[in-house]
Amino acid sequence: MSDPESEIRALKAKVDKLESEKRDIQKTLVDGMEVGPHAEIPLEKVKDDILLFLSKQGERRCTADEVARYLRLKPQIALHHLTTLDNEVMVLRGGRVRGPPSWKLADKGLEYLVANKFNF
C-alpha cells in the first residue's frame, strides 16, 4: 500500500501536467484567431471578414449565398458563421417568409469593428 503523501504528490503532478496541457491548447486556439487590440472576445478571421463585408453594405441586407460568394466560402459555412454572429447579436437576421434569410450588421458588430480599429 502507498502512503497518502506519495499519492498526493502523484495527484499534484498529474494536475500540473493537465494544467500545462490546458494552457497549450488554449494558446493554440487563440493563435488561430484574429484578436484586435481591444477585443473582449476574439472572433475568427472569417467572422471578422463577414462583419467587414456587411459594414460595406450599409442598410442593404445580404443573403448567406452573397456572403459566401464574396468571401469564397461554401454557403453552409457562411450560414453557420452568420447564425453564430446572430446569436452573439453582431448581425441581424431578417427576410421574407418564403425567401432565404438576409443579414445586416448590428450595432454590436459595428462597435466591435470600431473598437478593434478595422478599416471599413
N, C-alpha and C. Protein backbone atom coordinates (compact mmCIF):
# COMPACT_ATOMS: atom_id res chain seq x y z
N MET A 1 0.82 -1.19 0.00
CA MET A 1 0.00 0.00 0.00
C MET A 1 0.87 1.26 0.00
N SER A 2 0.43 2.28 -0.76
CA SER A 2 1.16 3.54 -0.82
C SER A 2 0.78 4.41 0.37
N ASP A 3 1.73 5.23 0.75
CA ASP A 3 1.38 6.16 1.82
C ASP A 3 0.63 7.35 1.22
N PRO A 4 -0.24 8.00 2.00
CA PRO A 4 -1.06 9.10 1.48
C PRO A 4 -0.25 10.25 0.88
N GLU A 5 0.90 10.55 1.45
CA GLU A 5 1.71 11.65 0.92
C GLU A 5 2.20 11.36 -0.48
N SER A 6 2.57 10.12 -0.76
CA SER A 6 3.01 9.73 -2.11
C SER A 6 1.87 9.87 -3.10
N GLU A 7 0.68 9.46 -2.69
CA GLU A 7 -0.49 9.57 -3.56
C GLU A 7 -0.81 11.04 -3.85
N ILE A 8 -0.71 11.88 -2.84
CA ILE A 8 -0.97 13.31 -3.00
C ILE A 8 0.04 13.91 -3.98
N ARG A 9 1.32 13.57 -3.83
CA ARG A 9 2.35 14.09 -4.74
C ARG A 9 2.08 13.63 -6.18
N ALA A 10 1.68 12.38 -6.35
CA ALA A 10 1.39 11.86 -7.69
C ALA A 10 0.19 12.59 -8.31
N LEU A 11 -0.84 12.82 -7.49
CA LEU A 11 -2.01 13.53 -7.99
C LEU A 11 -1.68 14.99 -8.33
N LYS A 12 -0.87 15.64 -7.51
CA LYS A 12 -0.46 17.01 -7.82
C LYS A 12 0.33 17.07 -9.12
N ALA A 13 1.19 16.07 -9.34
CA ALA A 13 1.96 16.03 -10.59
C ALA A 13 1.03 15.87 -11.79
N LYS A 14 -0.01 15.04 -11.65
CA LYS A 14 -0.97 14.87 -12.74
C LYS A 14 -1.74 16.17 -13.01
N VAL A 15 -2.14 16.83 -11.94
CA VAL A 15 -2.85 18.10 -12.09
C VAL A 15 -1.97 19.13 -12.79
N ASP A 16 -0.71 19.23 -12.39
CA ASP A 16 0.22 20.16 -13.03
C ASP A 16 0.37 19.86 -14.52
N LYS A 17 0.47 18.57 -14.85
CA LYS A 17 0.62 18.17 -16.26
C LYS A 17 -0.64 18.55 -17.04
N LEU A 18 -1.81 18.28 -16.47
CA LEU A 18 -3.06 18.63 -17.15
C LEU A 18 -3.22 20.14 -17.32
N GLU A 19 -2.83 20.92 -16.32
CA GLU A 19 -2.89 22.38 -16.42
C GLU A 19 -1.99 22.88 -17.54
N SER A 20 -0.81 22.27 -17.65
CA SER A 20 0.12 22.64 -18.71
C SER A 20 -0.48 22.32 -20.09
N GLU A 21 -1.08 21.14 -20.21
CA GLU A 21 -1.71 20.77 -21.47
C GLU A 21 -2.86 21.72 -21.80
N LYS A 22 -3.63 22.11 -20.79
CA LYS A 22 -4.74 23.04 -20.99
C LYS A 22 -4.23 24.38 -21.51
N ARG A 23 -3.14 24.89 -20.93
CA ARG A 23 -2.56 26.17 -21.38
C ARG A 23 -2.11 26.06 -22.84
N ASP A 24 -1.48 24.92 -23.19
CA ASP A 24 -1.02 24.73 -24.56
C ASP A 24 -2.19 24.73 -25.54
N ILE A 25 -3.29 24.07 -25.18
CA ILE A 25 -4.46 24.02 -26.04
C ILE A 25 -5.07 25.41 -26.18
N GLN A 26 -5.18 26.14 -25.08
CA GLN A 26 -5.74 27.49 -25.14
C GLN A 26 -4.89 28.40 -26.01
N LYS A 27 -3.57 28.28 -25.90
CA LYS A 27 -2.67 29.09 -26.73
C LYS A 27 -2.86 28.76 -28.20
N THR A 28 -2.99 27.47 -28.51
CA THR A 28 -3.21 27.06 -29.89
C THR A 28 -4.51 27.65 -30.43
N LEU A 29 -5.57 27.62 -29.63
CA LEU A 29 -6.85 28.18 -30.06
C LEU A 29 -6.76 29.68 -30.29
N VAL A 30 -6.13 30.40 -29.39
CA VAL A 30 -6.02 31.85 -29.52
C VAL A 30 -5.12 32.22 -30.69
N ASP A 31 -4.04 31.46 -30.92
CA ASP A 31 -3.16 31.75 -32.04
C ASP A 31 -3.88 31.61 -33.37
N GLY A 32 -4.93 30.78 -33.43
CA GLY A 32 -5.68 30.58 -34.66
C GLY A 32 -6.75 31.63 -34.89
N MET A 33 -6.85 32.61 -33.99
CA MET A 33 -7.88 33.64 -34.11
C MET A 33 -7.23 34.99 -34.33
N GLU A 34 -7.99 35.86 -34.96
CA GLU A 34 -7.56 37.24 -35.11
C GLU A 34 -8.04 38.00 -33.89
N VAL A 35 -7.13 38.60 -33.16
CA VAL A 35 -7.50 39.31 -31.94
C VAL A 35 -7.13 40.78 -32.12
N GLY A 36 -8.12 41.64 -32.00
CA GLY A 36 -7.87 43.07 -32.08
C GLY A 36 -7.30 43.57 -30.77
N PRO A 37 -6.74 44.77 -30.75
CA PRO A 37 -6.10 45.29 -29.55
C PRO A 37 -7.05 45.48 -28.37
N HIS A 38 -8.34 45.65 -28.62
CA HIS A 38 -9.28 45.87 -27.54
C HIS A 38 -10.37 44.81 -27.51
N ALA A 39 -10.11 43.66 -28.12
CA ALA A 39 -11.14 42.63 -28.23
C ALA A 39 -11.45 42.02 -26.87
N GLU A 40 -12.73 42.03 -26.54
CA GLU A 40 -13.15 41.32 -25.34
C GLU A 40 -13.26 39.84 -25.66
N ILE A 41 -13.84 39.53 -26.82
CA ILE A 41 -13.99 38.15 -27.27
C ILE A 41 -13.41 38.09 -28.67
N PRO A 42 -12.30 37.39 -28.85
CA PRO A 42 -11.72 37.33 -30.19
C PRO A 42 -12.62 36.55 -31.14
N LEU A 43 -12.76 37.03 -32.33
CA LEU A 43 -13.53 36.34 -33.35
C LEU A 43 -12.59 35.71 -34.36
N GLU A 44 -13.05 34.65 -34.98
CA GLU A 44 -12.27 34.04 -36.03
C GLU A 44 -12.20 35.01 -37.21
N LYS A 45 -11.16 34.88 -38.00
CA LYS A 45 -10.96 35.79 -39.12
C LYS A 45 -12.16 35.80 -40.07
N VAL A 46 -12.75 34.66 -40.32
CA VAL A 46 -13.89 34.63 -41.25
C VAL A 46 -15.06 35.45 -40.69
N LYS A 47 -15.25 35.44 -39.39
CA LYS A 47 -16.32 36.25 -38.81
C LYS A 47 -15.98 37.74 -38.94
N ASP A 48 -14.72 38.08 -38.74
CA ASP A 48 -14.30 39.46 -38.96
C ASP A 48 -14.59 39.87 -40.40
N ASP A 49 -14.25 39.00 -41.34
CA ASP A 49 -14.47 39.29 -42.76
C ASP A 49 -15.96 39.47 -43.07
N ILE A 50 -16.80 38.65 -42.45
CA ILE A 50 -18.25 38.80 -42.65
C ILE A 50 -18.73 40.14 -42.12
N LEU A 51 -18.28 40.51 -40.93
CA LEU A 51 -18.68 41.81 -40.36
C LEU A 51 -18.22 42.96 -41.25
N LEU A 52 -16.99 42.86 -41.76
CA LEU A 52 -16.48 43.92 -42.65
C LEU A 52 -17.30 44.00 -43.93
N PHE A 53 -17.60 42.84 -44.51
CA PHE A 53 -18.41 42.82 -45.73
C PHE A 53 -19.77 43.47 -45.49
N LEU A 54 -20.43 43.08 -44.41
CA LEU A 54 -21.75 43.64 -44.11
C LEU A 54 -21.66 45.14 -43.80
N SER A 55 -20.55 45.58 -43.21
CA SER A 55 -20.41 47.01 -42.91
C SER A 55 -20.37 47.84 -44.18
N LYS A 56 -19.89 47.25 -45.25
CA LYS A 56 -19.80 47.97 -46.53
C LYS A 56 -21.12 47.98 -47.28
N GLN A 57 -22.11 47.24 -46.78
CA GLN A 57 -23.41 47.16 -47.46
C GLN A 57 -24.40 48.21 -46.97
N GLY A 58 -24.03 48.94 -45.91
CA GLY A 58 -24.95 49.93 -45.36
C GLY A 58 -26.19 49.25 -44.81
N GLU A 59 -27.35 49.74 -45.20
CA GLU A 59 -28.61 49.16 -44.72
C GLU A 59 -29.08 47.99 -45.58
N ARG A 60 -28.40 47.74 -46.69
CA ARG A 60 -28.78 46.63 -47.57
C ARG A 60 -28.53 45.31 -46.87
N ARG A 61 -29.49 44.43 -46.92
CA ARG A 61 -29.35 43.09 -46.35
C ARG A 61 -28.76 42.15 -47.39
N CYS A 62 -27.99 41.17 -46.93
CA CYS A 62 -27.35 40.20 -47.82
C CYS A 62 -27.74 38.79 -47.41
N THR A 63 -27.85 37.91 -48.39
CA THR A 63 -28.12 36.51 -48.09
C THR A 63 -26.81 35.80 -47.77
N ALA A 64 -26.92 34.61 -47.20
CA ALA A 64 -25.73 33.80 -46.92
C ALA A 64 -25.00 33.47 -48.21
N ASP A 65 -25.75 33.26 -49.31
CA ASP A 65 -25.12 32.97 -50.60
C ASP A 65 -24.27 34.14 -51.08
N GLU A 66 -24.76 35.37 -50.89
CA GLU A 66 -23.98 36.54 -51.30
C GLU A 66 -22.70 36.66 -50.47
N VAL A 67 -22.83 36.44 -49.17
CA VAL A 67 -21.66 36.49 -48.29
C VAL A 67 -20.67 35.40 -48.70
N ALA A 68 -21.18 34.21 -48.95
CA ALA A 68 -20.33 33.08 -49.34
C ALA A 68 -19.59 33.37 -50.64
N ARG A 69 -20.31 33.91 -51.63
CA ARG A 69 -19.67 34.23 -52.91
C ARG A 69 -18.55 35.24 -52.73
N TYR A 70 -18.85 36.30 -51.98
CA TYR A 70 -17.86 37.36 -51.79
C TYR A 70 -16.61 36.84 -51.06
N LEU A 71 -16.82 36.02 -50.04
CA LEU A 71 -15.69 35.53 -49.23
C LEU A 71 -15.13 34.19 -49.73
N ARG A 72 -15.72 33.69 -50.83
CA ARG A 72 -15.29 32.41 -51.40
C ARG A 72 -15.38 31.26 -50.39
N LEU A 73 -16.56 31.18 -49.78
CA LEU A 73 -16.87 30.13 -48.81
C LEU A 73 -17.99 29.27 -49.36
N LYS A 74 -18.15 28.09 -48.80
CA LYS A 74 -19.34 27.30 -49.10
C LYS A 74 -20.52 27.99 -48.40
N PRO A 75 -21.68 27.99 -49.04
CA PRO A 75 -22.84 28.66 -48.42
C PRO A 75 -23.16 28.16 -47.01
N GLN A 76 -22.98 26.85 -46.77
CA GLN A 76 -23.27 26.31 -45.44
C GLN A 76 -22.33 26.88 -44.39
N ILE A 77 -21.09 27.13 -44.78
CA ILE A 77 -20.11 27.70 -43.84
C ILE A 77 -20.50 29.15 -43.53
N ALA A 78 -20.85 29.90 -44.56
CA ALA A 78 -21.27 31.29 -44.35
C ALA A 78 -22.51 31.33 -43.46
N LEU A 79 -23.48 30.45 -43.73
CA LEU A 79 -24.70 30.42 -42.93
C LEU A 79 -24.39 30.07 -41.47
N HIS A 80 -23.49 29.14 -41.25
CA HIS A 80 -23.09 28.76 -39.89
C HIS A 80 -22.53 29.98 -39.14
N HIS A 81 -21.61 30.70 -39.78
CA HIS A 81 -20.99 31.85 -39.13
C HIS A 81 -21.99 33.00 -38.94
N LEU A 82 -22.86 33.20 -39.92
CA LEU A 82 -23.89 34.23 -39.78
C LEU A 82 -24.83 33.91 -38.62
N THR A 83 -25.20 32.65 -38.49
CA THR A 83 -26.07 32.24 -37.39
C THR A 83 -25.38 32.45 -36.04
N THR A 84 -24.10 32.11 -35.98
CA THR A 84 -23.34 32.33 -34.74
C THR A 84 -23.27 33.82 -34.42
N LEU A 85 -22.99 34.64 -35.43
CA LEU A 85 -22.93 36.09 -35.23
C LEU A 85 -24.30 36.65 -34.83
N ASP A 86 -25.36 36.06 -35.36
CA ASP A 86 -26.72 36.47 -34.98
C ASP A 86 -26.97 36.13 -33.51
N ASN A 87 -26.53 34.97 -33.08
CA ASN A 87 -26.69 34.58 -31.67
C ASN A 87 -25.91 35.51 -30.74
N GLU A 88 -24.81 36.06 -31.25
CA GLU A 88 -23.99 37.00 -30.48
C GLU A 88 -24.46 38.44 -30.66
N VAL A 89 -25.53 38.63 -31.41
CA VAL A 89 -26.14 39.93 -31.72
C VAL A 89 -25.14 40.86 -32.43
N MET A 90 -24.27 40.29 -33.23
CA MET A 90 -23.33 41.08 -34.04
C MET A 90 -23.94 41.40 -35.40
N VAL A 91 -24.87 40.55 -35.86
CA VAL A 91 -25.62 40.79 -37.09
C VAL A 91 -27.10 40.59 -36.79
N LEU A 92 -27.93 41.13 -37.66
CA LEU A 92 -29.38 40.98 -37.52
C LEU A 92 -29.92 40.16 -38.67
N ARG A 93 -30.78 39.21 -38.36
CA ARG A 93 -31.38 38.35 -39.37
C ARG A 93 -32.76 38.88 -39.71
N GLY A 94 -33.09 38.83 -40.97
CA GLY A 94 -34.41 39.24 -41.43
C GLY A 94 -34.75 38.46 -42.68
N GLY A 95 -35.73 38.92 -43.40
CA GLY A 95 -36.09 38.27 -44.66
C GLY A 95 -37.57 38.06 -44.79
N ARG A 96 -37.94 37.55 -45.94
CA ARG A 96 -39.34 37.28 -46.24
C ARG A 96 -39.71 35.89 -45.77
N VAL A 97 -41.01 35.66 -45.65
CA VAL A 97 -41.50 34.36 -45.19
C VAL A 97 -41.06 33.25 -46.13
N ARG A 98 -41.17 33.48 -47.43
CA ARG A 98 -40.86 32.42 -48.40
C ARG A 98 -39.44 32.52 -48.97
N GLY A 99 -38.72 33.53 -48.60
CA GLY A 99 -37.38 33.70 -49.15
C GLY A 99 -36.31 33.30 -48.16
N PRO A 100 -35.07 33.31 -48.62
CA PRO A 100 -33.97 32.98 -47.71
C PRO A 100 -33.76 34.10 -46.70
N PRO A 101 -33.19 33.77 -45.55
CA PRO A 101 -32.91 34.84 -44.58
C PRO A 101 -31.88 35.81 -45.15
N SER A 102 -31.96 37.02 -44.68
CA SER A 102 -30.97 38.03 -45.08
C SER A 102 -30.39 38.64 -43.81
N TRP A 103 -29.23 39.25 -43.96
CA TRP A 103 -28.46 39.69 -42.81
C TRP A 103 -27.94 41.10 -43.00
N LYS A 104 -27.82 41.82 -41.91
CA LYS A 104 -27.15 43.12 -41.94
C LYS A 104 -26.39 43.30 -40.63
N LEU A 105 -25.46 44.22 -40.64
CA LEU A 105 -24.63 44.48 -39.47
C LEU A 105 -25.47 45.08 -38.35
N ALA A 106 -25.30 44.57 -37.14
CA ALA A 106 -25.98 45.12 -35.96
C ALA A 106 -25.06 46.14 -35.29
N ASP A 107 -25.61 46.92 -34.40
CA ASP A 107 -24.82 47.93 -33.68
C ASP A 107 -23.64 47.30 -32.96
N LYS A 108 -23.85 46.14 -32.34
CA LYS A 108 -22.77 45.48 -31.61
C LYS A 108 -21.64 45.06 -32.57
N GLY A 109 -21.99 44.63 -33.77
CA GLY A 109 -20.97 44.28 -34.76
C GLY A 109 -20.17 45.50 -35.19
N LEU A 110 -20.86 46.63 -35.37
CA LEU A 110 -20.18 47.88 -35.72
C LEU A 110 -19.26 48.32 -34.58
N GLU A 111 -19.75 48.22 -33.35
CA GLU A 111 -18.92 48.58 -32.19
C GLU A 111 -17.66 47.71 -32.13
N TYR A 112 -17.81 46.42 -32.44
CA TYR A 112 -16.65 45.51 -32.46
C TYR A 112 -15.63 45.97 -33.50
N LEU A 113 -16.10 46.30 -34.70
CA LEU A 113 -15.19 46.74 -35.76
C LEU A 113 -14.48 48.03 -35.37
N VAL A 114 -15.20 48.98 -34.79
CA VAL A 114 -14.60 50.25 -34.38
C VAL A 114 -13.60 50.03 -33.25
N ALA A 115 -13.98 49.25 -32.25
CA ALA A 115 -13.11 49.00 -31.09
C ALA A 115 -11.81 48.30 -31.49
N ASN A 116 -11.88 47.50 -32.55
CA ASN A 116 -10.71 46.76 -33.00
C ASN A 116 -10.00 47.42 -34.17
N LYS A 117 -10.40 48.67 -34.44
CA LYS A 117 -9.73 49.52 -35.43
C LYS A 117 -9.67 48.90 -36.83
N PHE A 118 -10.78 48.26 -37.24
CA PHE A 118 -10.85 47.76 -38.61
C PHE A 118 -11.11 48.93 -39.54
N ASN A 119 -10.51 48.87 -40.72
CA ASN A 119 -10.75 49.90 -41.75
C ASN A 119 -11.95 49.47 -42.58
N PHE A 120 -12.98 50.28 -42.56
CA PHE A 120 -14.16 49.96 -43.37
C PHE A 120 -14.78 51.22 -43.92
